[in-house]
Amino acid sequence: MADAEELKARLNAETGRVSWSELERHFARGALVTVRRGLDLVEVAAAFVEDDRNRVSGWMETGAVRTTSASDAQRWVKRDPTLWAVVVAPWVLVQEAGKEAD
């Protein structure tokens, strides 16, 4: 389990606050993935890195993790919320921070 903990520590260190304008190009190329608030962004990122298909598909089936939609993008352009992001190539996982998130 040390490897899993090391992976999570690395991903946590690579997670940062970003603005929507910094994410638009990733959205345009279809590489932006939204993680519902309440899920641990680092845990989801680790599941992507580890290719844990059962966990990822489970989250996707419930909509807790999904490809970022055009309506998400439009909402973020209008509201300019605080977003957290982590790169898990080829994906960029993003999650709204704070009380303003849906």
N, C-alpha and C. Protein backbone atom coordinates (compact mmCIF):
# COMPACT_ATOMS: atom_id res chain seq x y z
N MET A 1 0.80 -1.22 0.00
CA MET A 1 0.00 0.00 0.00
C MET A 1 0.84 1.28 0.00
N ALA A 2 2.13 1.13 0.26
CA ALA A 2 2.99 2.31 0.24
C ALA A 2 2.96 2.97 -1.12
N ASP A 3 2.94 2.17 -2.19
CA ASP A 3 2.89 2.74 -3.53
C ASP A 3 1.63 3.56 -3.75
N ALA A 4 0.49 3.06 -3.26
CA ALA A 4 -0.78 3.78 -3.39
C ALA A 4 -0.71 5.09 -2.62
N GLU A 5 -0.15 5.07 -1.44
CA GLU A 5 -0.03 6.28 -0.64
C GLU A 5 0.94 7.28 -1.29
N GLU A 6 2.03 6.77 -1.87
CA GLU A 6 2.97 7.63 -2.57
C GLU A 6 2.31 8.27 -3.78
N LEU A 7 1.51 7.49 -4.51
CA LEU A 7 0.79 8.01 -5.67
C LEU A 7 -0.15 9.12 -5.24
N LYS A 8 -0.92 8.89 -4.19
CA LYS A 8 -1.85 9.92 -3.71
C LYS A 8 -1.11 11.17 -3.24
N ALA A 9 0.02 10.99 -2.59
CA ALA A 9 0.80 12.15 -2.14
C ALA A 9 1.31 12.95 -3.34
N ARG A 10 1.77 12.24 -4.38
CA ARG A 10 2.25 12.93 -5.59
C ARG A 10 1.11 13.67 -6.27
N LEU A 11 -0.03 13.01 -6.42
CA LEU A 11 -1.18 13.65 -7.06
C LEU A 11 -1.68 14.85 -6.26
N ASN A 12 -1.67 14.72 -4.95
CA ASN A 12 -2.08 15.83 -4.09
C ASN A 12 -1.16 17.04 -4.32
N ALA A 13 0.13 16.78 -4.44
CA ALA A 13 1.08 17.87 -4.66
C ALA A 13 0.90 18.51 -6.03
N GLU A 14 0.36 17.75 -6.99
CA GLU A 14 0.17 18.25 -8.35
C GLU A 14 -1.21 18.88 -8.56
N THR A 15 -2.05 18.85 -7.54
CA THR A 15 -3.39 19.42 -7.62
C THR A 15 -3.31 20.90 -7.28
N GLY A 16 -4.03 21.71 -8.05
CA GLY A 16 -3.99 23.14 -7.78
C GLY A 16 -5.25 23.85 -8.21
N ARG A 17 -5.39 25.05 -7.72
CA ARG A 17 -6.52 25.91 -8.09
C ARG A 17 -6.24 26.50 -9.46
N VAL A 18 -7.28 26.52 -10.28
CA VAL A 18 -7.15 27.08 -11.62
C VAL A 18 -8.41 27.85 -11.96
N SER A 19 -8.27 28.70 -12.95
CA SER A 19 -9.43 29.44 -13.46
C SER A 19 -9.98 28.70 -14.68
N TRP A 20 -11.21 29.00 -15.01
CA TRP A 20 -11.81 28.37 -16.19
C TRP A 20 -10.99 28.65 -17.44
N SER A 21 -10.47 29.86 -17.58
CA SER A 21 -9.71 30.21 -18.78
C SER A 21 -8.49 29.30 -18.97
N GLU A 22 -7.94 28.79 -17.87
CA GLU A 22 -6.80 27.87 -17.96
C GLU A 22 -7.23 26.47 -18.40
N LEU A 23 -8.52 26.17 -18.28
CA LEU A 23 -9.03 24.84 -18.61
C LEU A 23 -9.73 24.76 -19.96
N GLU A 24 -10.05 25.90 -20.54
CA GLU A 24 -10.83 25.92 -21.78
C GLU A 24 -10.21 25.09 -22.90
N ARG A 25 -8.91 25.15 -23.05
CA ARG A 25 -8.28 24.39 -24.14
C ARG A 25 -8.41 22.89 -23.93
N HIS A 26 -8.39 22.44 -22.67
CA HIS A 26 -8.57 21.02 -22.38
C HIS A 26 -10.01 20.60 -22.65
N PHE A 27 -10.95 21.50 -22.34
CA PHE A 27 -12.35 21.24 -22.66
C PHE A 27 -12.53 21.13 -24.17
N ALA A 28 -11.91 22.03 -24.90
CA ALA A 28 -12.05 22.05 -26.36
C ALA A 28 -11.53 20.77 -27.01
N ARG A 29 -10.54 20.14 -26.42
CA ARG A 29 -10.02 18.90 -27.00
C ARG A 29 -10.67 17.65 -26.39
N GLY A 30 -11.70 17.86 -25.55
CA GLY A 30 -12.46 16.75 -24.99
C GLY A 30 -11.76 15.99 -23.88
N ALA A 31 -10.80 16.63 -23.23
CA ALA A 31 -10.00 15.95 -22.21
C ALA A 31 -10.33 16.37 -20.78
N LEU A 32 -11.39 17.15 -20.61
CA LEU A 32 -11.74 17.63 -19.28
C LEU A 32 -12.79 16.72 -18.65
N VAL A 33 -12.54 16.28 -17.44
CA VAL A 33 -13.43 15.36 -16.72
C VAL A 33 -13.84 16.03 -15.41
N THR A 34 -15.15 16.12 -15.19
CA THR A 34 -15.69 16.74 -13.99
C THR A 34 -15.89 15.70 -12.90
N VAL A 35 -15.41 16.02 -11.71
CA VAL A 35 -15.58 15.17 -10.53
C VAL A 35 -16.53 15.91 -9.59
N ARG A 36 -17.62 15.24 -9.24
CA ARG A 36 -18.63 15.86 -8.37
C ARG A 36 -18.02 16.22 -7.03
N ARG A 37 -18.43 17.38 -6.54
CA ARG A 37 -18.01 17.81 -5.21
C ARG A 37 -18.47 16.76 -4.21
N GLY A 38 -17.65 16.48 -3.23
CA GLY A 38 -17.95 15.45 -2.25
C GLY A 38 -17.09 14.22 -2.45
N LEU A 39 -16.67 14.00 -3.70
CA LEU A 39 -15.70 12.94 -3.97
C LEU A 39 -14.31 13.50 -3.73
N ASP A 40 -13.40 12.65 -3.35
CA ASP A 40 -12.01 13.05 -3.15
C ASP A 40 -11.33 13.09 -4.53
N LEU A 41 -11.00 14.29 -4.99
CA LEU A 41 -10.39 14.46 -6.31
C LEU A 41 -9.12 13.64 -6.46
N VAL A 42 -8.30 13.59 -5.43
CA VAL A 42 -7.05 12.83 -5.48
C VAL A 42 -7.33 11.34 -5.57
N GLU A 43 -8.32 10.87 -4.84
CA GLU A 43 -8.68 9.45 -4.90
C GLU A 43 -9.17 9.07 -6.30
N VAL A 44 -9.97 9.93 -6.89
CA VAL A 44 -10.46 9.67 -8.26
C VAL A 44 -9.28 9.68 -9.23
N ALA A 45 -8.39 10.65 -9.10
CA ALA A 45 -7.21 10.72 -9.97
C ALA A 45 -6.37 9.45 -9.83
N ALA A 46 -6.19 8.98 -8.60
CA ALA A 46 -5.42 7.75 -8.37
C ALA A 46 -6.07 6.56 -9.07
N ALA A 47 -7.39 6.49 -9.03
CA ALA A 47 -8.10 5.39 -9.70
C ALA A 47 -7.87 5.45 -11.21
N PHE A 48 -7.82 6.66 -11.77
CA PHE A 48 -7.53 6.81 -13.20
C PHE A 48 -6.11 6.32 -13.50
N VAL A 49 -5.14 6.75 -12.69
CA VAL A 49 -3.74 6.37 -12.90
C VAL A 49 -3.58 4.86 -12.79
N GLU A 50 -4.25 4.27 -11.80
CA GLU A 50 -4.14 2.82 -11.57
C GLU A 50 -5.00 2.00 -12.52
N ASP A 51 -5.73 2.69 -13.41
CA ASP A 51 -6.63 2.04 -14.36
C ASP A 51 -7.62 1.12 -13.64
N ASP A 52 -8.16 1.64 -12.54
CA ASP A 52 -9.15 0.91 -11.74
C ASP A 52 -10.51 1.07 -12.42
N ARG A 53 -10.74 0.24 -13.41
CA ARG A 53 -11.94 0.37 -14.25
C ARG A 53 -13.23 0.19 -13.48
N ASN A 54 -13.24 -0.67 -12.47
CA ASN A 54 -14.45 -0.88 -11.69
C ASN A 54 -14.88 0.39 -10.96
N ARG A 55 -13.93 1.03 -10.30
CA ARG A 55 -14.27 2.26 -9.56
C ARG A 55 -14.63 3.39 -10.51
N VAL A 56 -13.82 3.58 -11.55
CA VAL A 56 -14.07 4.67 -12.48
C VAL A 56 -15.41 4.48 -13.19
N SER A 57 -15.69 3.27 -13.67
CA SER A 57 -16.96 3.05 -14.36
C SER A 57 -18.13 3.20 -13.39
N GLY A 58 -17.96 2.81 -12.15
CA GLY A 58 -19.02 3.00 -11.16
C GLY A 58 -19.34 4.47 -10.95
N TRP A 59 -18.30 5.29 -10.83
CA TRP A 59 -18.52 6.73 -10.68
C TRP A 59 -19.16 7.30 -11.94
N MET A 60 -18.72 6.83 -13.10
CA MET A 60 -19.27 7.35 -14.35
C MET A 60 -20.73 6.94 -14.53
N GLU A 61 -21.08 5.74 -14.14
CA GLU A 61 -22.47 5.29 -14.25
C GLU A 61 -23.41 6.14 -13.41
N THR A 62 -22.94 6.61 -12.26
CA THR A 62 -23.78 7.45 -11.40
C THR A 62 -23.70 8.93 -11.75
N GLY A 63 -22.78 9.30 -12.64
CA GLY A 63 -22.61 10.70 -13.00
C GLY A 63 -21.70 11.46 -12.06
N ALA A 64 -21.13 10.78 -11.08
CA ALA A 64 -20.23 11.44 -10.14
C ALA A 64 -18.93 11.86 -10.81
N VAL A 65 -18.56 11.14 -11.85
CA VAL A 65 -17.40 11.48 -12.68
C VAL A 65 -17.90 11.40 -14.12
N ARG A 66 -17.66 12.49 -14.87
CA ARG A 66 -18.18 12.51 -16.24
C ARG A 66 -17.39 13.49 -17.09
N THR A 67 -17.49 13.29 -18.38
CA THR A 67 -16.88 14.24 -19.29
C THR A 67 -17.56 15.59 -19.08
N THR A 68 -16.78 16.63 -19.00
CA THR A 68 -17.33 17.96 -18.79
C THR A 68 -18.21 18.35 -19.96
N SER A 69 -19.40 18.84 -19.66
CA SER A 69 -20.38 19.17 -20.69
C SER A 69 -20.31 20.64 -21.09
N ALA A 70 -20.95 20.94 -22.19
CA ALA A 70 -21.03 22.34 -22.65
C ALA A 70 -21.78 23.18 -21.62
N SER A 71 -22.79 22.62 -20.96
CA SER A 71 -23.52 23.39 -19.95
C SER A 71 -22.63 23.68 -18.74
N ASP A 72 -21.74 22.74 -18.38
CA ASP A 72 -20.76 23.01 -17.31
C ASP A 72 -19.90 24.21 -17.71
N ALA A 73 -19.39 24.15 -18.93
CA ALA A 73 -18.51 25.22 -19.42
C ALA A 73 -19.22 26.57 -19.41
N GLN A 74 -20.46 26.60 -19.88
CA GLN A 74 -21.21 27.86 -19.91
C GLN A 74 -21.44 28.39 -18.49
N ARG A 75 -21.76 27.50 -17.58
CA ARG A 75 -21.98 27.90 -16.19
C ARG A 75 -20.69 28.47 -15.59
N TRP A 76 -19.56 27.82 -15.88
CA TRP A 76 -18.29 28.29 -15.33
C TRP A 76 -17.85 29.61 -15.93
N VAL A 77 -18.16 29.83 -17.20
CA VAL A 77 -17.83 31.12 -17.82
C VAL A 77 -18.59 32.23 -17.10
N LYS A 78 -19.87 31.99 -16.81
CA LYS A 78 -20.71 33.01 -16.15
C LYS A 78 -20.31 33.24 -14.70
N ARG A 79 -20.04 32.17 -13.97
CA ARG A 79 -19.82 32.27 -12.53
C ARG A 79 -18.36 32.43 -12.13
N ASP A 80 -17.44 31.97 -12.96
CA ASP A 80 -16.02 32.01 -12.66
C ASP A 80 -15.70 31.47 -11.27
N PRO A 81 -16.11 30.20 -10.99
CA PRO A 81 -15.88 29.65 -9.66
C PRO A 81 -14.41 29.24 -9.45
N THR A 82 -14.08 28.95 -8.21
CA THR A 82 -12.78 28.37 -7.90
C THR A 82 -12.84 26.91 -8.31
N LEU A 83 -11.86 26.46 -9.07
CA LEU A 83 -11.80 25.09 -9.54
C LEU A 83 -10.48 24.46 -9.09
N TRP A 84 -10.55 23.19 -8.76
CA TRP A 84 -9.35 22.41 -8.46
C TRP A 84 -9.12 21.48 -9.64
N ALA A 85 -7.88 21.30 -10.03
CA ALA A 85 -7.58 20.43 -11.16
C ALA A 85 -6.31 19.64 -10.92
N VAL A 86 -6.28 18.47 -11.55
CA VAL A 86 -5.09 17.62 -11.53
C VAL A 86 -5.02 16.94 -12.88
N VAL A 87 -3.82 16.86 -13.43
CA VAL A 87 -3.61 16.23 -14.73
C VAL A 87 -3.31 14.75 -14.52
N VAL A 88 -4.09 13.93 -15.21
CA VAL A 88 -3.87 12.48 -15.26
C VAL A 88 -3.93 12.16 -16.74
N ALA A 89 -2.82 12.41 -17.41
CA ALA A 89 -2.76 12.34 -18.87
C ALA A 89 -3.42 11.08 -19.41
N PRO A 90 -4.24 11.23 -20.43
CA PRO A 90 -4.51 12.43 -21.22
C PRO A 90 -5.61 13.31 -20.66
N TRP A 91 -6.09 13.02 -19.45
CA TRP A 91 -7.22 13.73 -18.87
C TRP A 91 -6.78 14.84 -17.93
N VAL A 92 -7.65 15.81 -17.77
CA VAL A 92 -7.52 16.81 -16.72
C VAL A 92 -8.80 16.68 -15.89
N LEU A 93 -8.65 16.29 -14.63
CA LEU A 93 -9.79 16.15 -13.74
C LEU A 93 -10.01 17.46 -13.03
N VAL A 94 -11.27 17.88 -12.96
CA VAL A 94 -11.59 19.18 -12.39
C VAL A 94 -12.77 19.04 -11.44
N GLN A 95 -12.73 19.86 -10.39
CA GLN A 95 -13.79 19.83 -9.38
C GLN A 95 -13.99 21.25 -8.85
N GLU A 96 -15.25 21.63 -8.71
CA GLU A 96 -15.53 22.94 -8.12
C GLU A 96 -15.22 22.89 -6.64
N ALA A 97 -14.74 24.00 -6.14
CA ALA A 97 -14.43 24.11 -4.71
C ALA A 97 -15.43 25.04 -4.06
N GLY A 98 -15.64 24.87 -2.80
CA GLY A 98 -16.47 25.80 -2.04
C GLY A 98 -17.95 25.60 -2.15
N LYS A 99 -18.69 26.48 -1.50
CA LYS A 99 -20.14 26.37 -1.41
C LYS A 99 -20.86 26.67 -2.70
N GLU A 100 -20.21 27.34 -3.65
CA GLU A 100 -20.89 27.72 -4.88
C GLU A 100 -21.09 26.55 -5.83
N ALA A 101 -20.45 25.43 -5.56
CA ALA A 101 -20.54 24.27 -6.45
C ALA A 101 -21.93 23.64 -6.35
N ASP A 102 -22.36 23.05 -7.46
CA ASP A 102 -23.65 22.37 -7.50
C ASP A 102 -23.57 21.07 -6.77
